[in-house]
Amino acid sequence: MPDARHCPACGALNDCALADPQRATQPCWCYAVSIDPAVLEALPAELRNSQCLCPACAQVEAQLQAAQAATKR
C-alpha cells in the first residue's frame, strides 16, 4: 500500500498537507503551483494519482520559492 507521505517517484517526504493529520484541513503546497503534465505522465500508471510528488520531482521548486517570496512582501 502506498504511503501518502512519500513521493511515488523518489520515496522522499513529499510535504503533502493532506497526508499530515495535523495539517489536513490546509491546502497542499501543490495547489499553488503548476505541474507539467509530462512529469505526471512519466510516472508508471499505477503510481499516478496515488500520492503527491515531492517538489523536486514535480520540478516546481522555483515556483514555490517565488510564491513564498511574494507572501513575505
Protein backbone atom coordinates (compact mmCIF):
# COMPACT_ATOMS: atom_id res chain seq x y z
CA MET A 1 0.00 0.00 0.00
CA PRO A 2 1.47 3.40 -0.94
CA ASP A 3 2.43 5.79 1.84
CA ALA A 4 0.77 9.16 1.12
CA ARG A 5 3.59 11.00 2.90
CA HIS A 6 6.23 9.94 0.37
CA CYS A 7 6.88 10.82 -3.25
CA PRO A 8 5.96 7.96 -5.58
CA ALA A 9 8.92 8.80 -7.83
CA CYS A 10 11.83 9.01 -5.38
CA GLY A 11 10.47 7.98 -1.97
CA ALA A 12 11.37 11.29 -0.25
CA LEU A 13 8.90 13.01 2.04
CA ASN A 14 6.52 14.98 -0.17
CA ASP A 15 5.34 17.54 2.44
CA CYS A 16 1.72 16.90 1.46
CA ALA A 17 -0.57 18.78 3.84
CA LEU A 18 -3.45 16.40 3.11
CA ALA A 19 -1.37 13.39 4.19
CA ASP A 20 -0.49 15.03 7.53
CA PRO A 21 -3.36 14.72 10.04
CA GLN A 22 -2.25 17.94 11.77
CA ARG A 23 -2.44 19.94 8.51
CA ALA A 24 -5.14 18.02 6.64
CA THR A 25 -7.52 21.00 6.66
CA GLN A 26 -4.92 23.24 4.99
CA PRO A 27 -4.28 23.36 1.24
CA CYS A 28 -1.32 21.38 -0.02
CA TRP A 29 1.69 23.19 -1.50
CA CYS A 30 0.82 21.67 -4.87
CA TYR A 31 -2.33 23.81 -5.07
CA ALA A 32 -0.12 26.91 -5.56
CA VAL A 33 2.00 25.57 -8.43
CA SER A 34 1.61 24.33 -11.97
CA ILE A 35 3.00 20.84 -12.54
CA ASP A 36 3.88 19.96 -16.12
CA PRO A 37 1.58 17.11 -17.24
CA ALA A 38 4.61 15.39 -18.79
CA VAL A 39 6.09 14.98 -15.29
CA LEU A 40 2.96 13.16 -14.15
CA GLU A 41 2.77 11.08 -17.33
CA ALA A 42 6.35 9.91 -16.74
CA LEU A 43 5.17 8.04 -13.63
CA PRO A 44 4.07 4.44 -14.05
CA ALA A 45 0.28 4.33 -14.43
CA GLU A 46 -0.18 2.52 -11.11
CA LEU A 47 1.56 5.37 -9.23
CA ARG A 48 -0.34 8.26 -10.79
CA ASN A 49 -2.92 9.94 -8.55
CA SER A 50 -1.87 7.81 -5.59
CA GLN A 51 0.15 10.37 -3.62
CA CYS A 52 1.85 13.74 -4.10
CA LEU A 53 5.20 14.08 -5.75
CA CYS A 54 7.87 15.92 -3.77
CA PRO A 55 8.63 19.48 -5.00
CA ALA A 56 11.91 18.31 -6.58
CA CYS A 57 10.32 15.53 -8.64
CA ALA A 58 7.40 17.81 -9.53
CA GLN A 59 10.03 20.27 -10.80
CA VAL A 60 8.32 23.20 -9.05
CA GLU A 61 10.91 24.36 -6.53
CA ALA A 62 11.40 27.71 -8.30
CA GLN A 63 7.63 28.30 -8.31
CA LEU A 64 7.43 27.58 -4.58
CA GLN A 65 10.29 29.95 -3.81
CA ALA A 66 8.61 32.72 -5.82
CA ALA A 67 5.29 32.13 -4.05
CA GLN A 68 6.97 32.24 -0.63
CA ALA A 69 8.79 35.47 -1.52
CA ALA A 70 5.52 37.05 -2.69
CA THR A 71 3.76 36.22 0.58
CA LYS A 72 6.56 37.84 2.60
CA ARG A 73 6.01 41.22 0.94
